[in-house]
Every structure is written in C-alpha cells, then in structure tokens.
Protein backbone atom coordinates (compact mmCIF):
# COMPACT_ATOMS: atom_id res chain seq x y z
CA MET A 1 -43.26 72.98 -70.15
CA ALA A 2 -43.49 76.75 -70.53
CA GLY A 3 -47.29 76.51 -70.47
CA ASN A 4 -47.31 75.24 -66.87
CA ARG A 5 -45.69 78.26 -65.25
CA PHE A 6 -49.00 79.92 -64.38
CA GLY A 7 -52.48 78.60 -63.72
CA PRO A 8 -55.98 79.96 -63.20
CA LEU A 9 -56.66 82.69 -60.67
CA ASP A 10 -58.50 81.87 -57.47
CA PRO A 11 -61.58 84.11 -57.15
CA PHE A 12 -60.80 84.77 -53.48
CA CYS A 13 -57.54 86.37 -54.57
CA PHE A 14 -59.56 89.39 -55.63
CA LEU A 15 -60.61 89.99 -52.00
CA ALA A 16 -57.07 91.26 -51.45
CA VAL A 17 -56.47 92.76 -54.89
CA VAL A 18 -59.57 94.94 -55.27
CA PRO A 19 -58.98 97.01 -52.10
CA LEU A 20 -55.36 97.58 -53.12
CA VAL A 21 -56.48 98.84 -56.52
CA ILE A 22 -59.07 101.10 -54.88
CA VAL A 23 -56.36 102.58 -52.64
CA ALA A 24 -54.19 103.16 -55.71
CA VAL A 25 -57.03 104.93 -57.51
CA VAL A 26 -57.65 107.17 -54.50
CA LEU A 27 -53.96 108.01 -54.38
CA VAL A 28 -53.96 108.90 -58.09
CA ILE A 29 -57.01 111.11 -57.61
CA SER A 30 -55.21 112.79 -54.69
CA ASP A 31 -52.25 113.57 -56.98
CA LEU A 32 -49.97 111.11 -55.17
CA LEU A 33 -49.04 109.14 -58.25
CA VAL A 34 -45.68 107.98 -56.88
CA PHE A 35 -47.30 106.36 -53.85
CA ALA A 36 -49.95 104.67 -56.00
CA PHE A 37 -47.33 102.32 -57.41
CA VAL A 38 -46.87 100.54 -54.06
CA PRO A 39 -50.39 99.06 -53.81
CA LEU A 40 -50.42 98.35 -57.55
CA VAL A 41 -47.18 96.40 -57.32
CA LEU A 42 -48.48 94.50 -54.31
CA ALA A 43 -51.69 93.66 -56.16
CA GLY A 44 -49.69 92.45 -59.14
CA LEU A 45 -47.49 90.29 -56.92
CA ILE A 46 -50.56 88.77 -55.28
CA LEU A 47 -52.03 87.94 -58.71
CA LEU A 48 -48.78 86.45 -59.95
CA GLY A 49 -48.23 84.46 -56.77
CA ASP A 50 -51.76 83.10 -56.82
CA SER A 51 -51.51 82.14 -60.46
CA TRP A 52 -48.16 80.46 -59.84
CA ALA A 53 -49.52 78.55 -56.83
CA ASN A 54 -52.49 77.29 -58.89
CA ARG A 55 -50.46 76.03 -61.85
CA ARG A 56 -51.34 72.64 -63.23
CA PRO A 57 -48.98 69.76 -62.45
CA SER A 58 -47.02 68.59 -65.44
C-alpha cells in the first residue's frame, strides 16, 4: 500500500515548475537567497501534488 502514495509526473506539470525554478535561480543570482525559497517550495508542492493526483489505484 505504501507504493501507491505517488504516481508518475504529468509532463505538463513542468510548464508551471520550470518558470518557478528560473525565478528562484534569478533570485539566487541577485543575492536574494531568502526569497528564492518561496518559488522553490511552490514548485515542490506542484510536483508533489501532481504526483499524488496521478497515483495508481490500488
């Protein structure tokens, strides 16, 4: 049962994740490391939510 918590990622999920990661990289380059965590956390939540939504039925 523990193997069904997460499923495969939908490729369209990366349309939201990649820009968030780019914003985080720009913030890190601009020496705003604290603010870079916000888009990174959002990107991680999108990936986790998408993987959870695409889990296989048991």
